[in-house]
All heavy atoms as atom14 arrays in JSON, in Angstrom:
{
  "sequence": "DDMTAKVLSLLYEYSDASEERAFDAARLDSDDRLALAKAHPLVREIS",
  "atom14_mask": [
    [1, 1, 1, 1, 1, 1, 1, 1, 0, 0, 0, 0, 0, 0],
    [1, 1, 1, 1, 1, 1, 1, 1, 0, 0, 0, 0, 0, 0],
    [1, 1, 1, 1, 1, 1, 1, 1, 0, 0, 0, 0, 0, 0],
    [1, 1, 1, 1, 1, 1, 1, 0, 0, 0, 0, 0, 0, 0],
    [1, 1, 1, 1, 1, 0, 0, 0, 0, 0, 0, 0, 0, 0],
    [1, 1, 1, 1, 1, 1, 1, 1, 1, 0, 0, 0, 0, 0],
    [1, 1, 1, 1, 1, 1, 1, 0, 0, 0, 0, 0, 0, 0],
    [1, 1, 1, 1, 1, 1, 1, 1, 0, 0, 0, 0, 0, 0],
    [1, 1, 1, 1, 1, 1, 0, 0, 0, 0, 0, 0, 0, 0],
    [1, 1, 1, 1, 1, 1, 1, 1, 0, 0, 0, 0, 0, 0],
    [1, 1, 1, 1, 1, 1, 1, 1, 0, 0, 0, 0, 0, 0],
    [1, 1, 1, 1, 1, 1, 1, 1, 1, 1, 1, 1, 0, 0],
    [1, 1, 1, 1, 1, 1, 1, 1, 1, 0, 0, 0, 0, 0],
    [1, 1, 1, 1, 1, 1, 1, 1, 1, 1, 1, 1, 0, 0],
    [1, 1, 1, 1, 1, 1, 0, 0, 0, 0, 0, 0, 0, 0],
    [1, 1, 1, 1, 1, 1, 1, 1, 0, 0, 0, 0, 0, 0],
    [1, 1, 1, 1, 1, 0, 0, 0, 0, 0, 0, 0, 0, 0],
    [1, 1, 1, 1, 1, 1, 0, 0, 0, 0, 0, 0, 0, 0],
    [1, 1, 1, 1, 1, 1, 1, 1, 1, 0, 0, 0, 0, 0],
    [1, 1, 1, 1, 1, 1, 1, 1, 1, 0, 0, 0, 0, 0],
    [1, 1, 1, 1, 1, 1, 1, 1, 1, 1, 1, 0, 0, 0],
    [1, 1, 1, 1, 1, 0, 0, 0, 0, 0, 0, 0, 0, 0],
    [1, 1, 1, 1, 1, 1, 1, 1, 1, 1, 1, 0, 0, 0],
    [1, 1, 1, 1, 1, 1, 1, 1, 0, 0, 0, 0, 0, 0],
    [1, 1, 1, 1, 1, 0, 0, 0, 0, 0, 0, 0, 0, 0],
    [1, 1, 1, 1, 1, 0, 0, 0, 0, 0, 0, 0, 0, 0],
    [1, 1, 1, 1, 1, 1, 1, 1, 1, 1, 1, 0, 0, 0],
    [1, 1, 1, 1, 1, 1, 1, 1, 0, 0, 0, 0, 0, 0],
    [1, 1, 1, 1, 1, 1, 1, 1, 0, 0, 0, 0, 0, 0],
    [1, 1, 1, 1, 1, 1, 0, 0, 0, 0, 0, 0, 0, 0],
    [1, 1, 1, 1, 1, 1, 1, 1, 0, 0, 0, 0, 0, 0],
    [1, 1, 1, 1, 1, 1, 1, 1, 0, 0, 0, 0, 0, 0],
    [1, 1, 1, 1, 1, 1, 1, 1, 1, 1, 1, 0, 0, 0],
    [1, 1, 1, 1, 1, 1, 1, 1, 0, 0, 0, 0, 0, 0],
    [1, 1, 1, 1, 1, 0, 0, 0, 0, 0, 0, 0, 0, 0],
    [1, 1, 1, 1, 1, 1, 1, 1, 0, 0, 0, 0, 0, 0],
    [1, 1, 1, 1, 1, 0, 0, 0, 0, 0, 0, 0, 0, 0],
    [1, 1, 1, 1, 1, 1, 1, 1, 1, 0, 0, 0, 0, 0],
    [1, 1, 1, 1, 1, 0, 0, 0, 0, 0, 0, 0, 0, 0],
    [1, 1, 1, 1, 1, 1, 1, 1, 1, 1, 0, 0, 0, 0],
    [1, 1, 1, 1, 1, 1, 1, 0, 0, 0, 0, 0, 0, 0],
    [1, 1, 1, 1, 1, 1, 1, 1, 0, 0, 0, 0, 0, 0],
    [1, 1, 1, 1, 1, 1, 1, 0, 0, 0, 0, 0, 0, 0],
    [1, 1, 1, 1, 1, 1, 1, 1, 1, 1, 1, 0, 0, 0],
    [1, 1, 1, 1, 1, 1, 1, 1, 1, 0, 0, 0, 0, 0],
    [1, 1, 1, 1, 1, 1, 1, 1, 0, 0, 0, 0, 0, 0],
    [1, 1, 1, 1, 1, 1, 0, 0, 0, 0, 0, 0, 0, 0]
  ],
  "atom14_positions": [
    [[226.63, 121.93, 31.66], [226.17, 122.98, 30.76], [225.05, 122.46, 29.86], [224.03, 123.14, 29.64], [227.33, 123.49, 29.91], [228.31, 124.32, 30.71], [227.9, 124.86, 31.75], [229.48, 124.42, 30.3], [0.0, 0.0, 0.0], [0.0, 0.0, 0.0], [0.0, 0.0, 0.0], [0.0, 0.0, 0.0], [0.0, 0.0, 0.0], [0.0, 0.0, 0.0]],
    [[225.23, 121.27, 29.35], [224.21, 120.68, 28.49], [222.94, 120.4, 29.27], [221.82, 120.67, 28.79], [224.76, 119.38, 27.87], [223.74, 118.72, 26.95], [223.33, 119.36, 25.96], [223.35, 117.57, 27.23], [0.0, 0.0, 0.0], [0.0, 0.0, 0.0], [0.0, 0.0, 0.0], [0.0, 0.0, 0.0], [0.0, 0.0, 0.0], [0.0, 0.0, 0.0]],
    [[223.08, 119.88, 30.48], [221.91, 119.59, 31.3], [221.15, 120.87, 31.65], [219.92, 120.92, 31.61], [222.35, 118.89, 32.59], [221.19, 118.5, 33.49], [221.75, 117.59, 34.95], [222.6, 118.89, 35.86], [0.0, 0.0, 0.0], [0.0, 0.0, 0.0], [0.0, 0.0, 0.0], [0.0, 0.0, 0.0], [0.0, 0.0, 0.0], [0.0, 0.0, 0.0]],
    [[221.89, 121.95, 31.99], [221.26, 123.23, 32.31], [220.47, 123.76, 31.14], [219.34, 124.23, 31.3], [222.34, 124.25, 32.72], [223.06, 123.76, 33.84], [221.7, 125.58, 33.08], [0.0, 0.0, 0.0], [0.0, 0.0, 0.0], [0.0, 0.0, 0.0], [0.0, 0.0, 0.0], [0.0, 0.0, 0.0], [0.0, 0.0, 0.0], [0.0, 0.0, 0.0]],
    [[221.05, 123.69, 29.95], [220.36, 124.18, 28.76], [219.07, 123.39, 28.51], [218.03, 123.97, 28.16], [221.29, 124.08, 27.55], [0.0, 0.0, 0.0], [0.0, 0.0, 0.0], [0.0, 0.0, 0.0], [0.0, 0.0, 0.0], [0.0, 0.0, 0.0], [0.0, 0.0, 0.0], [0.0, 0.0, 0.0], [0.0, 0.0, 0.0], [0.0, 0.0, 0.0]],
    [[219.12, 122.07, 28.69], [217.93, 121.24, 28.47], [216.82, 121.58, 29.47], [215.64, 121.67, 29.11], [218.3, 119.76, 28.57], [219.14, 119.26, 27.41], [219.47, 117.77, 27.56], [220.27, 117.26, 26.37], [220.61, 115.83, 26.52], [0.0, 0.0, 0.0], [0.0, 0.0, 0.0], [0.0, 0.0, 0.0], [0.0, 0.0, 0.0], [0.0, 0.0, 0.0]],
    [[217.2, 121.79, 30.74], [216.2, 122.12, 31.76], [215.58, 123.47, 31.48], [214.35, 123.64, 31.53], [216.83, 122.08, 33.17], [215.85, 122.63, 34.2], [217.25, 120.66, 33.53], [0.0, 0.0, 0.0], [0.0, 0.0, 0.0], [0.0, 0.0, 0.0], [0.0, 0.0, 0.0], [0.0, 0.0, 0.0], [0.0, 0.0, 0.0], [0.0, 0.0, 0.0]],
    [[216.4, 124.47, 31.16], [215.87, 125.81, 30.87], [214.98, 125.8, 29.63], [214.0, 126.55, 29.55], [217.02, 126.79, 30.68], [217.81, 127.16, 31.94], [219.0, 128.03, 31.6], [216.91, 127.88, 32.95], [0.0, 0.0, 0.0], [0.0, 0.0, 0.0], [0.0, 0.0, 0.0], [0.0, 0.0, 0.0], [0.0, 0.0, 0.0], [0.0, 0.0, 0.0]],
    [[215.29, 124.94, 28.69], [214.46, 124.84, 27.48], [213.06, 124.33, 27.81], [212.09, 124.63, 27.1], [215.13, 123.92, 26.45], [216.38, 124.45, 26.04], [0.0, 0.0, 0.0], [0.0, 0.0, 0.0], [0.0, 0.0, 0.0], [0.0, 0.0, 0.0], [0.0, 0.0, 0.0], [0.0, 0.0, 0.0], [0.0, 0.0, 0.0], [0.0, 0.0, 0.0]],
    [[212.94, 123.53, 28.87], [211.63, 123.04, 29.31], [210.9, 124.05, 30.19], [209.67, 124.04, 30.26], [211.8, 121.73, 30.07], [212.27, 120.53, 29.25], [212.57, 119.35, 30.16], [211.23, 120.15, 28.2], [0.0, 0.0, 0.0], [0.0, 0.0, 0.0], [0.0, 0.0, 0.0], [0.0, 0.0, 0.0], [0.0, 0.0, 0.0], [0.0, 0.0, 0.0]],
    [[211.66, 124.9, 30.88], [211.06, 125.86, 31.8], [210.44, 127.06, 31.1], [209.66, 127.79, 31.69], [212.11, 126.35, 32.79], [212.6, 125.35, 33.84], [213.7, 125.96, 34.7], [211.45, 124.86, 34.71], [0.0, 0.0, 0.0], [0.0, 0.0, 0.0], [0.0, 0.0, 0.0], [0.0, 0.0, 0.0], [0.0, 0.0, 0.0], [0.0, 0.0, 0.0]],
    [[210.8, 127.28, 29.83], [210.3, 128.43, 29.11], [209.74, 128.03, 27.75], [210.13, 127.01, 27.17], [211.42, 129.47, 28.91], [211.79, 130.18, 30.19], [212.77, 129.66, 31.04], [211.15, 131.35, 30.57], [213.1, 130.3, 32.22], [211.47, 132.0, 31.75], [212.45, 131.47, 32.57], [212.77, 132.09, 33.74], [0.0, 0.0, 0.0], [0.0, 0.0, 0.0]],
    [[208.84, 128.86, 27.25], [208.29, 128.7, 25.92], [208.13, 130.08, 25.29], [208.1, 131.09, 26.01], [206.94, 127.98, 25.97], [205.9, 128.7, 26.81], [204.65, 127.88, 27.02], [204.63, 126.7, 26.6], [203.7, 128.41, 27.62], [0.0, 0.0, 0.0], [0.0, 0.0, 0.0], [0.0, 0.0, 0.0], [0.0, 0.0, 0.0], [0.0, 0.0, 0.0]],
    [[208.01, 130.12, 23.99], [207.87, 131.42, 23.32], [206.52, 132.04, 23.65], [205.5, 131.35, 23.72], [208.04, 131.25, 21.82], [209.49, 131.08, 21.41], [209.96, 129.84, 20.99], [210.38, 132.16, 21.45], [211.29, 129.68, 20.62], [211.71, 131.99, 21.1], [212.17, 130.75, 20.69], [213.48, 130.6, 20.34], [0.0, 0.0, 0.0], [0.0, 0.0, 0.0]],
    [[206.52, 133.36, 23.84], [205.29, 134.07, 24.19], [204.32, 134.11, 23.01], [203.1, 134.11, 23.19], [205.62, 135.5, 24.62], [206.53, 135.5, 25.71], [0.0, 0.0, 0.0], [0.0, 0.0, 0.0], [0.0, 0.0, 0.0], [0.0, 0.0, 0.0], [0.0, 0.0, 0.0], [0.0, 0.0, 0.0], [0.0, 0.0, 0.0], [0.0, 0.0, 0.0]],
    [[204.84, 134.17, 21.82], [204.02, 134.22, 20.61], [203.41, 132.83, 20.36], [204.13, 131.87, 20.09], [204.87, 134.65, 19.42], [204.03, 134.91, 18.17], [202.83, 134.56, 18.17], [204.6, 135.45, 17.2], [0.0, 0.0, 0.0], [0.0, 0.0, 0.0], [0.0, 0.0, 0.0], [0.0, 0.0, 0.0], [0.0, 0.0, 0.0], [0.0, 0.0, 0.0]],
    [[202.11, 132.75, 20.48], [201.43, 131.45, 20.32], [201.62, 130.87, 18.93], [201.53, 129.65, 18.74], [199.94, 131.61, 20.62], [0.0, 0.0, 0.0], [0.0, 0.0, 0.0], [0.0, 0.0, 0.0], [0.0, 0.0, 0.0], [0.0, 0.0, 0.0], [0.0, 0.0, 0.0], [0.0, 0.0, 0.0], [0.0, 0.0, 0.0], [0.0, 0.0, 0.0]],
    [[201.92, 131.72, 17.96], [202.1, 131.22, 16.6], [203.49, 130.62, 16.38], [203.74, 130.02, 15.33], [201.87, 132.35, 15.59], [202.85, 133.38, 15.77], [0.0, 0.0, 0.0], [0.0, 0.0, 0.0], [0.0, 0.0, 0.0], [0.0, 0.0, 0.0], [0.0, 0.0, 0.0], [0.0, 0.0, 0.0], [0.0, 0.0, 0.0], [0.0, 0.0, 0.0]],
    [[204.36, 130.79, 17.34], [205.71, 130.26, 17.23], [205.67, 128.74, 17.4], [205.3, 128.22, 18.45], [206.61, 130.87, 18.29], [208.05, 130.43, 18.22], [208.74, 130.9, 16.95], [208.91, 132.12, 16.79], [209.08, 130.02, 16.15], [0.0, 0.0, 0.0], [0.0, 0.0, 0.0], [0.0, 0.0, 0.0], [0.0, 0.0, 0.0], [0.0, 0.0, 0.0]],
    [[206.03, 128.02, 16.37], [205.93, 126.57, 16.39], [207.16, 125.88, 16.96], [207.07, 124.78, 17.5], [205.66, 126.04, 14.97], [204.31, 126.5, 14.4], [204.07, 125.94, 13.02], [204.96, 125.23, 12.51], [202.99, 126.19, 12.46], [0.0, 0.0, 0.0], [0.0, 0.0, 0.0], [0.0, 0.0, 0.0], [0.0, 0.0, 0.0], [0.0, 0.0, 0.0]],
    [[208.31, 126.5, 16.83], [209.53, 125.84, 17.3], [209.63, 125.93, 18.82], [209.13, 126.87, 19.45], [210.76, 126.47, 16.65], [210.94, 127.95, 16.96], [212.02, 128.55, 16.07], [212.12, 129.99, 16.3], [213.06, 130.57, 17.03], [213.97, 129.81, 17.63], [213.1, 131.88, 17.18], [0.0, 0.0, 0.0], [0.0, 0.0, 0.0], [0.0, 0.0, 0.0]],
    [[210.29, 124.95, 19.42], [210.49, 124.92, 20.87], [211.63, 125.85, 21.25], [212.57, 126.08, 20.47], [210.79, 123.5, 21.33], [0.0, 0.0, 0.0], [0.0, 0.0, 0.0], [0.0, 0.0, 0.0], [0.0, 0.0, 0.0], [0.0, 0.0, 0.0], [0.0, 0.0, 0.0], [0.0, 0.0, 0.0], [0.0, 0.0, 0.0], [0.0, 0.0, 0.0]],
    [[211.54, 126.4, 22.42], [212.61, 127.28, 22.91], [213.87, 126.45, 23.17], [213.81, 125.37, 23.76], [212.16, 127.97, 24.2], [213.25, 128.78, 24.84], [213.8, 129.87, 24.2], [213.74, 128.42, 26.1], [214.81, 130.61, 24.8], [214.75, 129.14, 26.7], [215.28, 130.24, 26.05], [0.0, 0.0, 0.0], [0.0, 0.0, 0.0], [0.0, 0.0, 0.0]],
    [[215.01, 126.97, 22.74], [216.29, 126.28, 22.88], [217.26, 127.18, 23.63], [217.71, 128.21, 23.1], [216.86, 125.91, 21.51], [218.16, 125.12, 21.61], [218.49, 124.68, 22.74], [218.83, 124.94, 20.57], [0.0, 0.0, 0.0], [0.0, 0.0, 0.0], [0.0, 0.0, 0.0], [0.0, 0.0, 0.0], [0.0, 0.0, 0.0], [0.0, 0.0, 0.0]],
    [[217.59, 126.81, 24.89], [218.49, 127.62, 25.71], [219.96, 127.33, 25.45], [220.83, 127.99, 26.01], [218.18, 127.38, 27.2], [0.0, 0.0, 0.0], [0.0, 0.0, 0.0], [0.0, 0.0, 0.0], [0.0, 0.0, 0.0], [0.0, 0.0, 0.0], [0.0, 0.0, 0.0], [0.0, 0.0, 0.0], [0.0, 0.0, 0.0], [0.0, 0.0, 0.0]],
    [[220.26, 126.37, 24.6], [221.66, 125.99, 24.36], [222.45, 127.12, 23.71], [223.66, 127.2, 23.87], [221.71, 124.74, 23.48], [0.0, 0.0, 0.0], [0.0, 0.0, 0.0], [0.0, 0.0, 0.0], [0.0, 0.0, 0.0], [0.0, 0.0, 0.0], [0.0, 0.0, 0.0], [0.0, 0.0, 0.0], [0.0, 0.0, 0.0], [0.0, 0.0, 0.0]],
    [[221.76, 128.01, 22.99], [222.45, 129.08, 22.29], [222.74, 130.29, 23.18], [223.42, 131.22, 22.76], [221.6, 129.54, 21.1], [220.22, 130.06, 21.52], [219.34, 130.37, 20.31], [218.01, 130.77, 20.7], [217.68, 132.01, 21.07], [218.6, 132.95, 21.12], [216.43, 132.29, 21.41], [0.0, 0.0, 0.0], [0.0, 0.0, 0.0], [0.0, 0.0, 0.0]],
    [[222.24, 130.27, 24.4], [222.38, 131.42, 25.3], [223.73, 131.4, 26.0], [224.32, 130.34, 26.23], [221.27, 131.43, 26.34], [219.82, 131.45, 25.81], [218.85, 131.45, 26.97], [219.6, 132.65, 24.9], [0.0, 0.0, 0.0], [0.0, 0.0, 0.0], [0.0, 0.0, 0.0], [0.0, 0.0, 0.0], [0.0, 0.0, 0.0], [0.0, 0.0, 0.0]],
    [[224.2, 132.6, 26.38], [225.43, 132.66, 27.16], [225.1, 132.43, 28.64], [223.93, 132.32, 29.03], [226.16, 133.99, 26.95], [225.33, 135.21, 27.36], [224.44, 135.08, 28.25], [225.56, 136.3, 26.81], [0.0, 0.0, 0.0], [0.0, 0.0, 0.0], [0.0, 0.0, 0.0], [0.0, 0.0, 0.0], [0.0, 0.0, 0.0], [0.0, 0.0, 0.0]],
    [[226.15, 132.37, 29.47], [225.96, 132.01, 30.89], [225.14, 133.07, 31.63], [224.36, 132.73, 32.53], [227.32, 131.83, 31.56], [228.11, 133.0, 31.45], [0.0, 0.0, 0.0], [0.0, 0.0, 0.0], [0.0, 0.0, 0.0], [0.0, 0.0, 0.0], [0.0, 0.0, 0.0], [0.0, 0.0, 0.0], [0.0, 0.0, 0.0], [0.0, 0.0, 0.0]],
    [[225.28, 134.34, 31.27], [224.52, 135.4, 31.95], [223.03, 135.26, 31.69], [222.2, 135.4, 32.61], [225.0, 136.78, 31.49], [226.39, 137.12, 32.0], [226.81, 136.51, 33.0], [227.05, 138.0, 31.41], [0.0, 0.0, 0.0], [0.0, 0.0, 0.0], [0.0, 0.0, 0.0], [0.0, 0.0, 0.0], [0.0, 0.0, 0.0], [0.0, 0.0, 0.0]],
    [[222.66, 134.99, 30.44], [221.24, 134.81, 30.12], [220.68, 133.56, 30.79], [219.53, 133.55, 31.28], [221.04, 134.72, 28.61], [221.07, 136.1, 27.94], [221.0, 137.1, 28.67], [221.18, 136.15, 26.7], [0.0, 0.0, 0.0], [0.0, 0.0, 0.0], [0.0, 0.0, 0.0], [0.0, 0.0, 0.0], [0.0, 0.0, 0.0], [0.0, 0.0, 0.0]],
    [[221.46, 132.51, 30.84], [220.99, 131.28, 31.5], [220.74, 131.52, 32.98], [219.74, 131.06, 33.54], [222.02, 130.16, 31.31], [222.13, 129.65, 29.88], [223.08, 128.46, 29.8], [223.29, 128.05, 28.42], [223.99, 126.98, 28.08], [224.53, 126.21, 29.02], [224.16, 126.65, 26.81], [0.0, 0.0, 0.0], [0.0, 0.0, 0.0], [0.0, 0.0, 0.0]],
    [[221.66, 132.24, 33.63], [221.47, 132.54, 35.05], [220.23, 133.4, 35.25], [219.46, 133.17, 36.19], [222.71, 133.25, 35.6], [222.64, 133.69, 37.07], [222.42, 132.47, 37.98], [223.92, 134.42, 37.47], [0.0, 0.0, 0.0], [0.0, 0.0, 0.0], [0.0, 0.0, 0.0], [0.0, 0.0, 0.0], [0.0, 0.0, 0.0], [0.0, 0.0, 0.0]],
    [[220.02, 134.37, 34.38], [218.84, 135.23, 34.5], [217.56, 134.42, 34.37], [216.59, 134.64, 35.13], [218.88, 136.33, 33.43], [0.0, 0.0, 0.0], [0.0, 0.0, 0.0], [0.0, 0.0, 0.0], [0.0, 0.0, 0.0], [0.0, 0.0, 0.0], [0.0, 0.0, 0.0], [0.0, 0.0, 0.0], [0.0, 0.0, 0.0], [0.0, 0.0, 0.0]],
    [[217.52, 133.47, 33.44], [216.33, 132.64, 33.27], [216.09, 131.75, 34.49], [214.94, 131.52, 34.89], [216.44, 131.78, 32.01], [216.47, 132.54, 30.67], [216.36, 131.56, 29.52], [215.36, 133.57, 30.59], [0.0, 0.0, 0.0], [0.0, 0.0, 0.0], [0.0, 0.0, 0.0], [0.0, 0.0, 0.0], [0.0, 0.0, 0.0], [0.0, 0.0, 0.0]],
    [[217.16, 131.23, 35.07], [217.02, 130.41, 36.28], [216.44, 131.24, 37.41], [215.55, 130.79, 38.15], [218.37, 129.82, 36.67], [0.0, 0.0, 0.0], [0.0, 0.0, 0.0], [0.0, 0.0, 0.0], [0.0, 0.0, 0.0], [0.0, 0.0, 0.0], [0.0, 0.0, 0.0], [0.0, 0.0, 0.0], [0.0, 0.0, 0.0], [0.0, 0.0, 0.0]],
    [[216.94, 132.46, 37.57], [216.45, 133.33, 38.63], [214.98, 133.68, 38.45], [214.24, 133.85, 39.42], [217.27, 134.62, 38.66], [218.7, 134.48, 39.11], [219.4, 135.83, 39.07], [220.83, 135.76, 39.59], [221.5, 137.08, 39.55], [0.0, 0.0, 0.0], [0.0, 0.0, 0.0], [0.0, 0.0, 0.0], [0.0, 0.0, 0.0], [0.0, 0.0, 0.0]],
    [[214.56, 133.82, 37.21], [213.22, 134.35, 36.93], [212.11, 133.32, 37.02], [210.94, 133.7, 37.12], [213.22, 134.99, 35.53], [0.0, 0.0, 0.0], [0.0, 0.0, 0.0], [0.0, 0.0, 0.0], [0.0, 0.0, 0.0], [0.0, 0.0, 0.0], [0.0, 0.0, 0.0], [0.0, 0.0, 0.0], [0.0, 0.0, 0.0], [0.0, 0.0, 0.0]],
    [[212.44, 132.04, 37.0], [211.37, 131.05, 36.93], [210.75, 130.79, 38.31], [211.46, 130.66, 39.31], [211.87, 129.73, 36.35], [210.74, 128.88, 35.85], [209.98, 128.08, 36.67], [210.22, 128.74, 34.59], [209.06, 127.48, 35.96], [209.18, 127.86, 34.69], [0.0, 0.0, 0.0], [0.0, 0.0, 0.0], [0.0, 0.0, 0.0], [0.0, 0.0, 0.0]],
    [[209.42, 130.69, 38.38], [208.73, 130.45, 39.67], [209.17, 129.17, 40.36], [209.14, 129.09, 41.59], [207.25, 130.37, 39.27], [207.16, 131.14, 37.98], [208.46, 130.92, 37.28], [0.0, 0.0, 0.0], [0.0, 0.0, 0.0], [0.0, 0.0, 0.0], [0.0, 0.0, 0.0], [0.0, 0.0, 0.0], [0.0, 0.0, 0.0], [0.0, 0.0, 0.0]],
    [[209.59, 128.15, 39.6], [210.02, 126.9, 40.22], [211.27, 127.12, 41.07], [211.38, 126.61, 42.19], [210.32, 125.85, 39.13], [210.81, 124.49, 39.63], [209.75, 123.81, 40.48], [211.21, 123.61, 38.45], [0.0, 0.0, 0.0], [0.0, 0.0, 0.0], [0.0, 0.0, 0.0], [0.0, 0.0, 0.0], [0.0, 0.0, 0.0], [0.0, 0.0, 0.0]],
    [[212.2, 127.9, 40.55], [213.42, 128.2, 41.3], [213.1, 129.02, 42.54], [213.64, 128.79, 43.62], [214.43, 128.94, 40.4], [215.68, 129.35, 41.18], [214.82, 128.08, 39.21], [0.0, 0.0, 0.0], [0.0, 0.0, 0.0], [0.0, 0.0, 0.0], [0.0, 0.0, 0.0], [0.0, 0.0, 0.0], [0.0, 0.0, 0.0], [0.0, 0.0, 0.0]],
    [[212.2, 130.0, 42.38], [211.79, 130.8, 43.53], [211.18, 129.93, 44.63], [211.53, 130.05, 45.8], [210.8, 131.87, 43.1], [210.13, 132.6, 44.28], [209.06, 133.55, 43.81], [209.64, 134.76, 43.25], [209.95, 135.83, 43.98], [209.73, 135.82, 45.3], [210.45, 136.89, 43.43], [0.0, 0.0, 0.0], [0.0, 0.0, 0.0], [0.0, 0.0, 0.0]],
    [[210.29, 129.03, 44.23], [209.62, 128.19, 45.22], [210.61, 127.27, 45.93], [210.56, 127.09, 47.14], [208.51, 127.37, 44.54], [207.29, 128.17, 44.16], [206.65, 128.87, 45.35], [206.4, 128.2, 46.37], [206.45, 130.09, 45.27], [0.0, 0.0, 0.0], [0.0, 0.0, 0.0], [0.0, 0.0, 0.0], [0.0, 0.0, 0.0], [0.0, 0.0, 0.0]],
    [[211.51, 126.67, 45.17], [212.51, 125.8, 45.78], [213.37, 126.59, 46.76], [213.66, 126.13, 47.86], [213.38, 125.13, 44.7], [212.57, 124.12, 43.91], [214.6, 124.46, 45.33], [213.32, 123.5, 42.74], [0.0, 0.0, 0.0], [0.0, 0.0, 0.0], [0.0, 0.0, 0.0], [0.0, 0.0, 0.0], [0.0, 0.0, 0.0], [0.0, 0.0, 0.0]],
    [[213.75, 127.79, 46.36], [214.59, 128.63, 47.22], [213.88, 128.99, 48.51], [214.46, 128.91, 49.6], [215.0, 129.89, 46.46], [215.73, 130.77, 47.3], [0.0, 0.0, 0.0], [0.0, 0.0, 0.0], [0.0, 0.0, 0.0], [0.0, 0.0, 0.0], [0.0, 0.0, 0.0], [0.0, 0.0, 0.0], [0.0, 0.0, 0.0], [0.0, 0.0, 0.0]]
  ]
}
């Protein structure tokens, strides 16, 4: 779970360029984490 959150945090960033903090996936539930994994081009390409 911890490893998944760290990887997802690297795969995404905030859309608002003024947002200074890094995206943190650790606070997300399992459904949101799965959705983010499905949506990333890296996962699509590997699949």
